[in-house]
Amino acid sequence: MVAGLLAFAFAGSFALALGAFWAARLMRSLAGPVHSTWLNANVEDSSIRATVLSMTNVFGSAGEWGGGPALGGIGNAFGIRAALAGSALALLPALGLYGRAIRHHGREPELSASSQIV
């Protein structure tokens, strides 16, 4: 999604912009079901799962109302390409979080014996 957004932001032709737009839209449409499936499969307790799903939606909307005006300001000051590139860069921290989740197979790493508080 990040690559598609960056390609869309800096596309020099209509065909490249259209292809990048479609790629970004496809990745966004695929990410939602994969994310929901991953959460449902890795959070066993149903009461916790409901809270996690709810908080995921709350934080997603907070990112939209918090980041949207800032990106709009960037667009007004520096142009639409800068705002589109900024939106792609705002998604970069999510890549690190997904990488961490993949490395730990969706589980929190166990605390070592030396770091546990007794």
PDB file of N, CA and C in Angstrom:
ATOM      1  N   MET A   1       0.829  -1.174   0.000  1.00  0.00           N
ATOM      2  CA  MET A   1       0.000   0.000   0.000  1.00  0.00           C
ATOM      3  C   MET A   1       0.883   1.251   0.000  1.00  0.00           C
ATOM      4  N   VAL A   2       1.950   1.219   0.796  1.00  0.00           N
ATOM      5  CA  VAL A   2       2.858   2.361   0.858  1.00  0.00           C
ATOM      6  C   VAL A   2       3.484   2.613  -0.515  1.00  0.00           C
ATOM      7  N   ALA A   3       3.947   1.567  -1.156  1.00  0.00           N
ATOM      8  CA  ALA A   3       4.570   1.715  -2.478  1.00  0.00           C
ATOM      9  C   ALA A   3       3.565   2.241  -3.494  1.00  0.00           C
ATOM     10  N   GLY A   4       2.348   1.738  -3.451  1.00  0.00           N
ATOM     11  CA  GLY A   4       1.319   2.216  -4.368  1.00  0.00           C
ATOM     12  C   GLY A   4       0.986   3.680  -4.154  1.00  0.00           C
ATOM     13  N   LEU A   5       0.916   4.108  -2.889  1.00  0.00           N
ATOM     14  CA  LEU A   5       0.646   5.519  -2.598  1.00  0.00           C
ATOM     15  C   LEU A   5       1.786   6.414  -3.056  1.00  0.00           C
ATOM     16  N   LEU A   6       3.027   5.978  -2.827  1.00  0.00           N
ATOM     17  CA  LEU A   6       4.167   6.775  -3.289  1.00  0.00           C
ATOM     18  C   LEU A   6       4.215   6.848  -4.811  1.00  0.00           C
ATOM     19  N   ALA A   7       3.941   5.729  -5.473  1.00  0.00           N
ATOM     20  CA  ALA A   7       3.916   5.732  -6.933  1.00  0.00           C
ATOM     21  C   ALA A   7       2.804   6.642  -7.449  1.00  0.00           C
ATOM     22  N   PHE A   8       1.661   6.633  -6.788  1.00  0.00           N
ATOM     23  CA  PHE A   8       0.561   7.510  -7.184  1.00  0.00           C
ATOM     24  C   PHE A   8       0.939   8.974  -6.979  1.00  0.00           C
ATOM     25  N   ALA A   9       1.606   9.273  -5.868  1.00  0.00           N
ATOM     26  CA  ALA A   9       1.985  10.654  -5.565  1.00  0.00           C
ATOM     27  C   ALA A   9       2.947  11.219  -6.605  1.00  0.00           C
ATOM     28  N   PHE A  10       3.855  10.399  -7.082  1.00  0.00           N
ATOM     29  CA  PHE A  10       4.891  10.906  -7.978  1.00  0.00           C
ATOM     30  C   PHE A  10       4.755  10.402  -9.416  1.00  0.00           C
ATOM     31  N   ALA A  11       3.571   9.903  -9.774  1.00  0.00           N
ATOM     32  CA  ALA A  11       3.344   9.404 -11.137  1.00  0.00           C
ATOM     33  C   ALA A  11       3.476  10.552 -12.132  1.00  0.00           C
ATOM     34  N   GLY A  12       4.168  10.270 -13.214  1.00  0.00           N
ATOM     35  CA  GLY A  12       4.358  11.284 -14.247  1.00  0.00           C
ATOM     36  C   GLY A  12       3.361  11.188 -15.376  1.00  0.00           C
ATOM     37  N   SER A  13       2.608  10.103 -15.418  1.00  0.00           N
ATOM     38  CA  SER A  13       1.630   9.944 -16.496  1.00  0.00           C
ATOM     39  C   SER A  13       0.312   9.443 -15.911  1.00  0.00           C
ATOM     40  N   PHE A  14      -0.730   9.625 -16.692  1.00  0.00           N
ATOM     41  CA  PHE A  14      -2.046   9.185 -16.251  1.00  0.00           C
ATOM     42  C   PHE A  14      -2.089   7.665 -16.080  1.00  0.00           C
ATOM     43  N   ALA A  15      -1.485   6.946 -17.007  1.00  0.00           N
ATOM     44  CA  ALA A  15      -1.508   5.475 -16.933  1.00  0.00           C
ATOM     45  C   ALA A  15      -0.805   4.980 -15.671  1.00  0.00           C
ATOM     46  N   LEU A  16       0.340   5.555 -15.337  1.00  0.00           N
ATOM     47  CA  LEU A  16       1.057   5.150 -14.126  1.00  0.00           C
ATOM     48  C   LEU A  16       0.252   5.531 -12.880  1.00  0.00           C
ATOM     49  N   ALA A  17      -0.355   6.704 -12.886  1.00  0.00           N
ATOM     50  CA  ALA A  17      -1.174   7.134 -11.746  1.00  0.00           C
ATOM     51  C   ALA A  17      -2.366   6.203 -11.570  1.00  0.00           C
ATOM     52  N   LEU A  18      -3.012   5.824 -12.660  1.00  0.00           N
ATOM     53  CA  LEU A  18      -4.161   4.936 -12.585  1.00  0.00           C
ATOM     54  C   LEU A  18      -3.755   3.553 -12.066  1.00  0.00           C
ATOM     55  N   GLY A  19      -2.638   3.020 -12.571  1.00  0.00           N
ATOM     56  CA  GLY A  19      -2.145   1.724 -12.093  1.00  0.00           C
ATOM     57  C   GLY A  19      -1.776   1.768 -10.616  1.00  0.00           C
ATOM     58  N   ALA A  20      -1.116   2.833 -10.180  1.00  0.00           N
ATOM     59  CA  ALA A  20      -0.739   2.972  -8.775  1.00  0.00           C
ATOM     60  C   ALA A  20      -1.969   3.135  -7.893  1.00  0.00           C
ATOM     61  N   PHE A  21      -2.953   3.895  -8.379  1.00  0.00           N
ATOM     62  CA  PHE A  21      -4.199   4.071  -7.631  1.00  0.00           C
ATOM     63  C   PHE A  21      -4.897   2.733  -7.445  1.00  0.00           C
ATOM     64  N   TRP A  22      -5.008   1.958  -8.514  1.00  0.00           N
ATOM     65  CA  TRP A  22      -5.657   0.647  -8.426  1.00  0.00           C
ATOM     66  C   TRP A  22      -4.890  -0.284  -7.499  1.00  0.00           C
ATOM     67  N   ALA A  23      -3.556  -0.244  -7.565  1.00  0.00           N
ATOM     68  CA  ALA A  23      -2.741  -1.103  -6.693  1.00  0.00           C
ATOM     69  C   ALA A  23      -2.956  -0.729  -5.226  1.00  0.00           C
ATOM     70  N   ALA A  24      -2.952   0.564  -4.933  1.00  0.00           N
ATOM     71  CA  ALA A  24      -3.166   1.002  -3.546  1.00  0.00           C
ATOM     72  C   ALA A  24      -4.562   0.626  -3.067  1.00  0.00           C
ATOM     73  N   ARG A  25      -5.566   0.796  -3.914  1.00  0.00           N
ATOM     74  CA  ARG A  25      -6.938   0.422  -3.549  1.00  0.00           C
ATOM     75  C   ARG A  25      -7.058  -1.084  -3.316  1.00  0.00           C
ATOM     76  N   LEU A  26      -6.413  -1.873  -4.156  1.00  0.00           N
ATOM     77  CA  LEU A  26      -6.450  -3.321  -3.999  1.00  0.00           C
ATOM     78  C   LEU A  26      -5.814  -3.732  -2.677  1.00  0.00           C
ATOM     79  N   MET A  27      -4.656  -3.162  -2.368  1.00  0.00           N
ATOM     80  CA  MET A  27      -3.982  -3.496  -1.108  1.00  0.00           C
ATOM     81  C   MET A  27      -4.829  -3.076   0.086  1.00  0.00           C
ATOM     82  N   ARG A  28      -5.469  -1.916   0.020  1.00  0.00           N
ATOM     83  CA  ARG A  28      -6.316  -1.455   1.118  1.00  0.00           C
ATOM     84  C   ARG A  28      -7.522  -2.383   1.286  1.00  0.00           C
ATOM     85  N   SER A  29      -8.112  -2.825   0.190  1.00  0.00           N
ATOM     86  CA  SER A  29      -9.280  -3.703   0.288  1.00  0.00           C
ATOM     87  C   SER A  29      -8.891  -5.096   0.798  1.00  0.00           C
ATOM     88  N   LEU A  30      -7.669  -5.547   0.510  1.00  0.00           N
ATOM     89  CA  LEU A  30      -7.217  -6.851   0.992  1.00  0.00           C
ATOM     90  C   LEU A  30      -6.739  -6.796   2.446  1.00  0.00           C
ATOM     91  N   ALA A  31      -6.242  -5.651   2.872  1.00  0.00           N
ATOM     92  CA  ALA A  31      -5.669  -5.537   4.221  1.00  0.00           C
ATOM     93  C   ALA A  31      -6.728  -5.695   5.307  1.00  0.00           C
ATOM     94  N   GLY A  32      -7.910  -5.145   5.114  1.00  0.00           N
ATOM     95  CA  GLY A  32      -8.949  -5.208   6.141  1.00  0.00           C
ATOM     96  C   GLY A  32      -9.350  -6.623   6.522  1.00  0.00           C
ATOM     97  N   PRO A  33      -9.761  -7.455   5.570  1.00  0.00           N
ATOM     98  CA  PRO A  33     -10.129  -8.831   5.916  1.00  0.00           C
ATOM     99  C   PRO A  33      -8.972  -9.645   6.486  1.00  0.00           C
ATOM    100  N   VAL A  34      -7.761  -9.445   5.973  1.00  0.00           N
ATOM    101  CA  VAL A  34      -6.606 -10.179   6.497  1.00  0.00           C
ATOM    102  C   VAL A  34      -6.345  -9.770   7.947  1.00  0.00           C
ATOM    103  N   HIS A  35      -6.414  -8.479   8.223  1.00  0.00           N
ATOM    104  CA  HIS A  35      -6.193  -7.979   9.582  1.00  0.00           C
ATOM    105  C   HIS A  35      -7.257  -8.517  10.539  1.00  0.00           C
ATOM    106  N   SER A  36      -8.520  -8.473  10.131  1.00  0.00           N
ATOM    107  CA  SER A  36      -9.598  -8.989  10.985  1.00  0.00           C
ATOM    108  C   SER A  36      -9.456 -10.481  11.235  1.00  0.00           C
ATOM    109  N   THR A  37      -9.104 -11.234  10.204  1.00  0.00           N
ATOM    110  CA  THR A  37      -8.910 -12.670  10.358  1.00  0.00           C
ATOM    111  C   THR A  37      -7.758 -12.959  11.306  1.00  0.00           C
ATOM    112  N   TRP A  38      -6.668 -12.218  11.159  1.00  0.00           N
ATOM    113  CA  TRP A  38      -5.515 -12.412  12.028  1.00  0.00           C
ATOM    114  C   TRP A  38      -5.877 -12.125  13.480  1.00  0.00           C
ATOM    115  N   LEU A  39      -6.613 -11.029  13.714  1.00  0.00           N
ATOM    116  CA  LEU A  39      -7.025 -10.708  15.088  1.00  0.00           C
ATOM    117  C   LEU A  39      -7.933 -11.791  15.657  1.00  0.00           C
ATOM    118  N   ASN A  40      -8.925 -12.213  14.880  1.00  0.00           N
ATOM    119  CA  ASN A  40      -9.853 -13.235  15.364  1.00  0.00           C
ATOM    120  C   ASN A  40      -9.157 -14.560  15.643  1.00  0.00           C
ATOM    121  N   ALA A  41      -8.133 -14.887  14.862  1.00  0.00           N
ATOM    122  CA  ALA A  41      -7.435 -16.159  15.049  1.00  0.00           C
ATOM    123  C   ALA A  41      -6.458 -16.118  16.218  1.00  0.00           C
ATOM    124  N   ASN A  42      -5.947 -14.943  16.558  1.00  0.00           N
ATOM    125  CA  ASN A  42      -4.885 -14.868  17.553  1.00  0.00           C
ATOM    126  C   ASN A  42      -5.323 -14.333  18.909  1.00  0.00           C
ATOM    127  N   VAL A  43      -6.550 -13.888  19.041  1.00  0.00           N
ATOM    128  CA  VAL A  43      -7.052 -13.450  20.342  1.00  0.00           C
ATOM    129  C   VAL A  43      -8.148 -14.435  20.733  1.00  0.00           C
ATOM    130  N   GLU A  44      -7.804 -15.361  21.640  1.00  0.00           N
ATOM    131  CA  GLU A  44      -8.719 -16.459  21.954  1.00  0.00           C
ATOM    132  C   GLU A  44      -9.907 -16.050  22.814  1.00  0.00           C
ATOM    133  N   ASP A  45      -9.692 -15.237  23.834  1.00  0.00           N
ATOM    134  CA  ASP A  45     -10.760 -14.853  24.759  1.00  0.00           C
ATOM    135  C   ASP A  45     -11.721 -13.895  24.051  1.00  0.00           C
ATOM    136  N   SER A  46     -12.995 -14.251  23.967  1.00  0.00           N
ATOM    137  CA  SER A  46     -13.962 -13.468  23.198  1.00  0.00           C
ATOM    138  C   SER A  46     -14.178 -12.072  23.778  1.00  0.00           C
ATOM    139  N   SER A  47     -14.125 -11.914  25.098  1.00  0.00           N
ATOM    140  CA  SER A  47     -14.329 -10.584  25.664  1.00  0.00           C
ATOM    141  C   SER A  47     -13.143  -9.670  25.343  1.00  0.00           C
ATOM    142  N   ILE A  48     -11.952 -10.234  25.326  1.00  0.00           N
ATOM    143  CA  ILE A  48     -10.776  -9.448  24.951  1.00  0.00           C
ATOM    144  C   ILE A  48     -10.799  -9.165  23.459  1.00  0.00           C
ATOM    145  N   ARG A  49     -11.215 -10.143  22.659  1.00  0.00           N
ATOM    146  CA  ARG A  49     -11.278  -9.964  21.207  1.00  0.00           C
ATOM    147  C   ARG A  49     -12.197  -8.809  20.845  1.00  0.00           C
ATOM    148  N   ALA A  50     -13.352  -8.723  21.500  1.00  0.00           N
ATOM    149  CA  ALA A  50     -14.284  -7.636  21.223  1.00  0.00           C
ATOM    150  C   ALA A  50     -13.655  -6.283  21.538  1.00  0.00           C
ATOM    151  N   THR A  51     -12.927  -6.219  22.645  1.00  0.00           N
ATOM    152  CA  THR A  51     -12.261  -4.970  23.020  1.00  0.00           C
ATOM    153  C   THR A  51     -11.167  -4.618  22.026  1.00  0.00           C
ATOM    154  N   VAL A  52     -10.393  -5.612  21.614  1.00  0.00           N
ATOM    155  CA  VAL A  52      -9.317  -5.366  20.653  1.00  0.00           C
ATOM    156  C   VAL A  52      -9.891  -4.892  19.323  1.00  0.00           C
ATOM    157  N   LEU A  53     -10.941  -5.534  18.835  1.00  0.00           N
ATOM    158  CA  LEU A  53     -11.564  -5.110  17.574  1.00  0.00           C
ATOM    159  C   LEU A  53     -12.128  -3.701  17.693  1.00  0.00           C
ATOM    160  N   SER A  54     -12.756  -3.402  18.825  1.00  0.00           N
ATOM    161  CA  SER A  54     -13.302  -2.067  19.041  1.00  0.00           C
ATOM    162  C   SER A  54     -12.199  -1.014  19.072  1.00  0.00           C
ATOM    163  N   MET A  55     -11.134  -1.295  19.799  1.00  0.00           N
ATOM    164  CA  MET A  55     -10.032  -0.333  19.897  1.00  0.00           C
ATOM    165  C   MET A  55      -9.321  -0.165  18.552  1.00  0.00           C
ATOM    166  N   THR A  56      -9.251  -1.216  17.771  1.00  0.00           N
ATOM    167  CA  THR A  56      -8.657  -1.108  16.441  1.00  0.00           C
ATOM    168  C   THR A  56      -9.438  -0.111  15.601  1.00  0.00           C
ATOM    169  N   ASN A  57     -10.762  -0.195  15.658  1.00  0.00           N
ATOM    170  CA  ASN A  57     -11.590   0.739  14.903  1.00  0.00           C
ATOM    171  C   ASN A  57     -11.470   2.162  15.446  1.00  0.00           C
ATOM    172  N   VAL A  58     -11.424   2.304  16.763  1.00  0.00           N
ATOM    173  CA  VAL A  58     -11.292   3.634  17.364  1.00  0.00           C
ATOM    174  C   VAL A  58      -9.972   4.273  16.955  1.00  0.00           C
ATOM    175  N   PHE A  59      -8.872   3.521  17.045  1.00  0.00           N
ATOM    176  CA  PHE A  59      -7.575   4.085  16.686  1.00  0.00           C
ATOM    177  C   PHE A  59      -7.485   4.375  15.189  1.00  0.00           C
ATOM    178  N   GLY A  60      -8.143   3.555  14.376  1.00  0.00           N
ATOM    179  CA  GLY A  60      -8.177   3.829  12.939  1.00  0.00           C
ATOM    180  C   GLY A  60      -8.880   5.130  12.630  1.00  0.00           C
ATOM    181  N   SER A  61     -10.003   5.367  13.277  1.00  0.00           N
ATOM    182  CA  SER A  61     -10.716   6.623  13.030  1.00  0.00           C
ATOM    183  C   SER A  61      -9.969   7.806  13.636  1.00  0.00           C
ATOM    184  N   ALA A  62      -9.296   7.607  14.763  1.00  0.00           N
ATOM    185  CA  ALA A  62      -8.499   8.690  15.352  1.00  0.00           C
ATOM    186  C   ALA A  62      -7.371   9.094  14.413  1.00  0.00           C
ATOM    187  N   GLY A  63      -6.783   8.118  13.737  1.00  0.00           N
ATOM    188  CA  GLY A  63      -5.756   8.433  12.755  1.00  0.00           C
ATOM    189  C   GLY A  63      -6.307   9.249  11.605  1.00  0.00           C
ATOM    190  N   GLU A  64      -7.540   8.955  11.215  1.00  0.00           N
ATOM    191  CA  GLU A  64      -8.154   9.714  10.118  1.00  0.00           C
ATOM    192  C   GLU A  64      -8.470  11.145  10.530  1.00  0.00           C
ATOM    193  N   TRP A  65      -9.103  11.336  11.675  1.00  0.00           N
ATOM    194  CA  TRP A  65      -9.447  12.713  12.048  1.00  0.00           C
ATOM    195  C   TRP A  65      -8.248  13.474  12.589  1.00  0.00           C
ATOM    196  N   GLY A  66      -7.228  12.761  13.074  1.00  0.00           N
ATOM    197  CA  GLY A  66      -6.024  13.441  13.535  1.00  0.00           C
ATOM    198  C   GLY A  66      -5.052  13.743  12.405  1.00  0.00           C
ATOM    199  N   GLY A  67      -4.872  12.782  11.516  1.00  0.00           N
ATOM    200  CA  GLY A  67      -3.920  12.962  10.424  1.00  0.00           C
ATOM    201  C   GLY A  67      -4.488  13.657   9.212  1.00  0.00           C
ATOM    202  N   GLY A  68      -5.784  13.533   9.000  1.00  0.00           N
ATOM    203  CA  GLY A  68      -6.405  14.144   7.824  1.00  0.00           C
ATOM    204  C   GLY A  68      -6.206  15.644   7.723  1.00  0.00           C
ATOM    205  N   PRO A  69      -6.540  16.398   8.773  1.00  0.00           N
ATOM    206  CA  PRO A  69      -6.322  17.843   8.697  1.00  0.00           C
ATOM    207  C   PRO A  69      -4.845  18.221   8.524  1.00  0.00           C
ATOM    208  N   ALA A  70      -3.954  17.471   9.167  1.00  0.00           N
ATOM    209  CA  ALA A  70      -2.521  17.757   9.020  1.00  0.00           C
ATOM    210  C   ALA A  70      -2.072  17.526   7.577  1.00  0.00           C
ATOM    211  N   LEU A  71      -2.525  16.422   6.994  1.00  0.00           N
ATOM    212  CA  LEU A  71      -2.169  16.153   5.598  1.00  0.00           C
ATOM    213  C   LEU A  71      -2.826  17.160   4.660  1.00  0.00           C
ATOM    214  N   GLY A  72      -4.035  17.619   5.007  1.00  0.00           N
ATOM    215  CA  GLY A  72      -4.680  18.673   4.227  1.00  0.00           C
ATOM    216  C   GLY A  72      -3.887  19.969   4.279  1.00  0.00           C
ATOM    217  N   GLY A  73      -3.345  20.278   5.451  1.00  0.00           N
ATOM    218  CA  GLY A  73      -2.494  21.463   5.581  1.00  0.00           C
ATOM    219  C   GLY A  73      -1.230  21.341   4.758  1.00  0.00           C
ATOM    220  N   ILE A  74      -0.638  20.151   4.756  1.00  0.00           N
ATOM    221  CA  ILE A  74       0.540  19.918   3.914  1.00  0.00           C
ATOM    222  C   ILE A  74       0.176  20.088   2.450  1.00  0.00           C
ATOM    223  N   GLY A  75      -1.004  19.581   2.067  1.00  0.00           N
ATOM    224  CA  GLY A  75      -1.451  19.729   0.687  1.00  0.00           C
ATOM    225  C   GLY A  75      -1.660  21.181   0.306  1.00  0.00           C
ATOM    226  N   ASN A  76      -2.238  21.971   1.207  1.00  0.00           N
ATOM    227  CA  ASN A  76      -2.437  23.395   0.924  1.00  0.00           C
ATOM    228  C   ASN A  76      -1.119  24.146   0.822  1.00  0.00           C
ATOM    229  N   ALA A  77      -0.173  23.785   1.679  1.00  0.00           N
ATOM    230  CA  ALA A  77       1.099  24.507   1.703  1.00  0.00           C
ATOM    231  C   ALA A  77       2.066  24.051   0.614  1.00  0.00           C
ATOM    232  N   PHE A  78       2.133  22.740   0.373  1.00  0.00           N
ATOM    233  CA  PHE A  78       3.171  22.213  -0.516  1.00  0.00           C
ATOM    234  C   PHE A  78       2.648  21.497  -1.756  1.00  0.00           C
ATOM    235  N   GLY A  79       1.361  21.262  -1.833  1.00  0.00           N
ATOM    236  CA  GLY A  79       0.798  20.614  -3.004  1.00  0.00           C
ATOM    237  C   GLY A  79       0.293  19.211  -2.703  1.00  0.00           C
ATOM    238  N   ILE A  80      -0.498  18.719  -3.639  1.00  0.00           N
ATOM    239  CA  ILE A  80      -1.159  17.430  -3.461  1.00  0.00           C
ATOM    240  C   ILE A  80      -0.160  16.274  -3.439  1.00  0.00           C
ATOM    241  N   ARG A  81       0.916  16.380  -4.216  1.00  0.00           N
ATOM    242  CA  ARG A  81       1.920  15.302  -4.218  1.00  0.00           C
ATOM    243  C   ARG A  81       2.557  15.146  -2.841  1.00  0.00           C
ATOM    244  N   ALA A  82       2.842  16.261  -2.192  1.00  0.00           N
ATOM    245  CA  ALA A  82       3.435  16.210  -0.851  1.00  0.00           C
ATOM    246  C   ALA A  82       2.459  15.587   0.142  1.00  0.00           C
ATOM    247  N   ALA A  83       1.166  15.923   0.030  1.00  0.00           N
ATOM    248  CA  ALA A  83       0.171  15.350   0.936  1.00  0.00           C
ATOM    249  C   ALA A  83       0.024  13.845   0.701  1.00  0.00           C
ATOM    250  N   LEU A  84       0.024  13.418  -0.551  1.00  0.00           N
ATOM    251  CA  LEU A  84      -0.071  11.986  -0.854  1.00  0.00           C
ATOM    252  C   LEU A  84       1.171  11.244  -0.365  1.00  0.00           C
ATOM    253  N   ALA A  85       2.342  11.830  -0.558  1.00  0.00           N
ATOM    254  CA  ALA A  85       3.564  11.203  -0.067  1.00  0.00           C
ATOM    255  C   ALA A  85       3.558  11.161   1.461  1.00  0.00           C
ATOM    256  N   GLY A  86       3.049  12.211   2.092  1.00  0.00           N
ATOM    257  CA  GLY A  86       2.938  12.226   3.548  1.00  0.00           C
ATOM    258  C   GLY A  86       2.018  11.141   4.064  1.00  0.00           C
ATOM    259  N   SER A  87       0.932  10.879   3.341  1.00  0.00           N
ATOM    260  CA  SER A  87       0.029   9.807   3.770  1.00  0.00           C
ATOM    261  C   SER A  87       0.705   8.440   3.657  1.00  0.00           C
ATOM    262  N   ALA A  88       1.538   8.265   2.638  1.00  0.00           N
ATOM    263  CA  ALA A  88       2.289   7.007   2.516  1.00  0.00           C
ATOM    264  C   ALA A  88       3.304   6.878   3.650  1.00  0.00           C
ATOM    265  N   LEU A  89       3.985   7.961   3.972  1.00  0.00           N
ATOM    266  CA  LEU A  89       4.974   7.921   5.049  1.00  0.00           C
ATOM    267  C   LEU A  89       4.315   7.708   6.408  1.00  0.00           C
ATOM    268  N   ALA A  90       3.084   8.180   6.570  1.00  0.00           N
ATOM    269  CA  ALA A  90       2.373   7.975   7.840  1.00  0.00           C
ATOM    270  C   ALA A  90       2.057   6.503   8.075  1.00  0.00           C
ATOM    271  N   LEU A  91       2.012   5.716   7.008  1.00  0.00           N
ATOM    272  CA  LEU A  91       1.738   4.280   7.141  1.00  0.00           C
ATOM    273  C   LEU A  91       2.995   3.459   7.447  1.00  0.00           C
ATOM    274  N   LEU A  92       4.168   4.041   7.305  1.00  0.00           N
ATOM    275  CA  LEU A  92       5.404   3.287   7.503  1.00  0.00           C
ATOM    276  C   LEU A  92       5.532   2.648   8.886  1.00  0.00           C
ATOM    277  N   PRO A  93       5.158   3.304   9.982  1.00  0.00           N
ATOM    278  CA  PRO A  93       5.290   2.631  11.283  1.00  0.00           C
ATOM    279  C   PRO A  93       4.484   1.331  11.374  1.00  0.00           C
ATOM    280  N   ALA A  94       3.402   1.236  10.630  1.00  0.00           N
ATOM    281  CA  ALA A  94       2.615   0.005  10.647  1.00  0.00           C
ATOM    282  C   ALA A  94       3.416  -1.174  10.110  1.00  0.00           C
ATOM    283  N   LEU A  95       4.321  -0.928   9.172  1.00  0.00           N
ATOM    284  CA  LEU A  95       5.153  -2.015   8.647  1.00  0.00           C
ATOM    285  C   LEU A  95       6.012  -2.624   9.741  1.00  0.00           C
ATOM    286  N   GLY A  96       6.564  -1.785  10.610  1.00  0.00           N
ATOM    287  CA  GLY A  96       7.354  -2.294  11.728  1.00  0.00           C
ATOM    288  C   GLY A  96       6.515  -3.114  12.690  1.00  0.00           C
ATOM    289  N   LEU A  97       5.299  -2.662  12.947  1.00  0.00           N
ATOM    290  CA  LEU A  97       4.418  -3.407  13.853  1.00  0.00           C
ATOM    291  C   LEU A  97       3.998  -4.742  13.255  1.00  0.00           C
ATOM    292  N   TYR A  98       3.697  -4.756  11.953  1.00  0.00           N
ATOM    293  CA  TYR A  98       3.361  -6.024  11.307  1.00  0.00           C
ATOM    294  C   TYR A  98       4.561  -6.964  11.303  1.00  0.00           C
ATOM    295  N   GLY A  99       5.755  -6.417  11.063  1.00  0.00           N
ATOM    296  CA  GLY A  99       6.960  -7.243  11.104  1.00  0.00           C
ATOM    297  C   GLY A  99       7.174  -7.852  12.475  1.00  0.00           C
ATOM    298  N   ARG A 100       6.935  -7.078  13.529  1.00  0.00           N
ATOM    299  CA  ARG A 100       7.083  -7.594  14.895  1.00  0.00           C
ATOM    300  C   ARG A 100       6.061  -8.703  15.157  1.00  0.00           C
ATOM    301  N   ALA A 101       4.837  -8.500  14.701  1.00  0.00           N
ATOM    302  CA  ALA A 101       3.803  -9.517  14.898  1.00  0.00           C
ATOM    303  C   ALA A 101       4.147 -10.798  14.146  1.00  0.00           C
ATOM    304  N   ILE A 102       4.688 -10.667  12.961  1.00  0.00           N
ATOM    305  CA  ILE A 102       5.061 -11.853  12.185  1.00  0.00           C
ATOM    306  C   ILE A 102       6.205 -12.599  12.869  1.00  0.00           C
ATOM    307  N   ARG A 103       7.208 -11.866  13.362  1.00  0.00           N
ATOM    308  CA  ARG A 103       8.344 -12.512  14.041  1.00  0.00           C
ATOM    309  C   ARG A 103       7.898 -13.273  15.278  1.00  0.00           C
ATOM    310  N   HIS A 104       6.880 -12.777  15.957  1.00  0.00           N
ATOM    311  CA  HIS A 104       6.415 -13.414  17.187  1.00  0.00           C
ATOM    312  C   HIS A 104       5.168 -14.265  16.968  1.00  0.00           C
ATOM    313  N   HIS A 105       4.815 -14.503  15.717  1.00  0.00           N
ATOM    314  CA  HIS A 105       3.671 -15.342  15.366  1.00  0.00           C
ATOM    315  C   HIS A 105       2.398 -14.891  16.070  1.00  0.00           C
ATOM    316  N   GLY A 106       2.227 -13.567  16.211  1.00  0.00           N
ATOM    317  CA  GLY A 106       1.012 -13.032  16.801  1.00  0.00           C
ATOM    318  C   GLY A 106       0.961 -13.108  18.307  1.00  0.00           C
ATOM    319  N   ARG A 107       2.018 -13.547  18.944  1.00  0.00           N
ATOM    320  CA  ARG A 107       2.046 -13.685  20.400  1.00  0.00           C
ATOM    321  C   ARG A 107       3.062 -12.705  20.974  1.00  0.00           C
ATOM    322  N   GLU A 108       2.785 -12.240  22.175  1.00  0.00           N
ATOM    323  CA  GLU A 108       3.744 -11.406  22.874  1.00  0.00           C
ATOM    324  C   GLU A 108       4.919 -12.276  23.293  1.00  0.00           C
ATOM    325  N   PRO A 109       6.142 -11.787  23.157  1.00  0.00           N
ATOM    326  CA  PRO A 109       7.279 -12.582  23.608  1.00  0.00           C
ATOM    327  C   PRO A 109       7.235 -12.733  25.117  1.00  0.00           C
ATOM    328  N   GLU A 110       7.662 -13.884  25.586  1.00  0.00           N
ATOM    329  CA  GLU A 110       7.670 -14.163  27.021  1.00  0.00           C
ATOM    330  C   GLU A 110       8.726 -13.307  27.705  1.00  0.00           C
ATOM    331  N   LEU A 111       8.435 -12.891  28.905  1.00  0.00           N
ATOM    332  CA  LEU A 111       9.422 -12.164  29.695  1.00  0.00           C
ATOM    333  C   LEU A 111      10.500 -13.125  30.158  1.00  0.00           C
ATOM    334  N   SER A 112      11.727 -12.673  30.123  1.00  0.00           N
ATOM    335  CA  SER A 112      12.790 -13.539  30.632  1.00  0.00           C
ATOM    336  C   SER A 112      12.726 -13.593  32.138  1.00  0.00           C
ATOM    337  N   ALA A 113      13.310 -14.608  32.710  1.00  0.00           N
ATOM    338  CA  ALA A 113      13.264 -14.793  34.169  1.00  0.00           C
ATOM    339  C   ALA A 113      13.900 -13.616  34.904  1.00  0.00           C
ATOM    340  N   SER A 114      14.922 -12.997  34.311  1.00  0.00           N
ATOM    341  CA  SER A 114      15.608 -11.889  34.975  1.00  0.00           C
ATOM    342  C   SER A 114      14.796 -10.604  34.955  1.00  0.00           C
ATOM    343  N   SER A 115      13.828 -10.478  34.028  1.00  0.00           N
ATOM    344  CA  SER A 115      13.071  -9.232  33.945  1.00  0.00           C
ATOM    345  C   SER A 115      11.709  -9.325  34.611  1.00  0.00           C
ATOM    346  N   GLN A 116      11.341 -10.481  35.149  1.00  0.00           N
ATOM    347  CA  GLN A 116      10.046 -10.624  35.799  1.00  0.00           C
ATOM    348  C   GLN A 116      10.108 -10.040  37.213  1.00  0.00           C
ATOM    349  N   ILE A 117       9.056  -9.330  37.556  1.00  0.00           N
ATOM    350  CA  ILE A 117       8.950  -8.764  38.888  1.00  0.00           C
ATOM    351  C   ILE A 117       8.278  -9.787  39.783  1.00  0.00           C
ATOM    352  N   VAL A 118       8.894 -10.070  40.922  1.00  0.00           N
ATOM    353  CA  VAL A 118       8.359 -11.085  41.834  1.00  0.00           C
ATOM    354  C   VAL A 118       7.684 -10.429  42.982  1.00  0.00           C
TER     355      VAL A 118
END
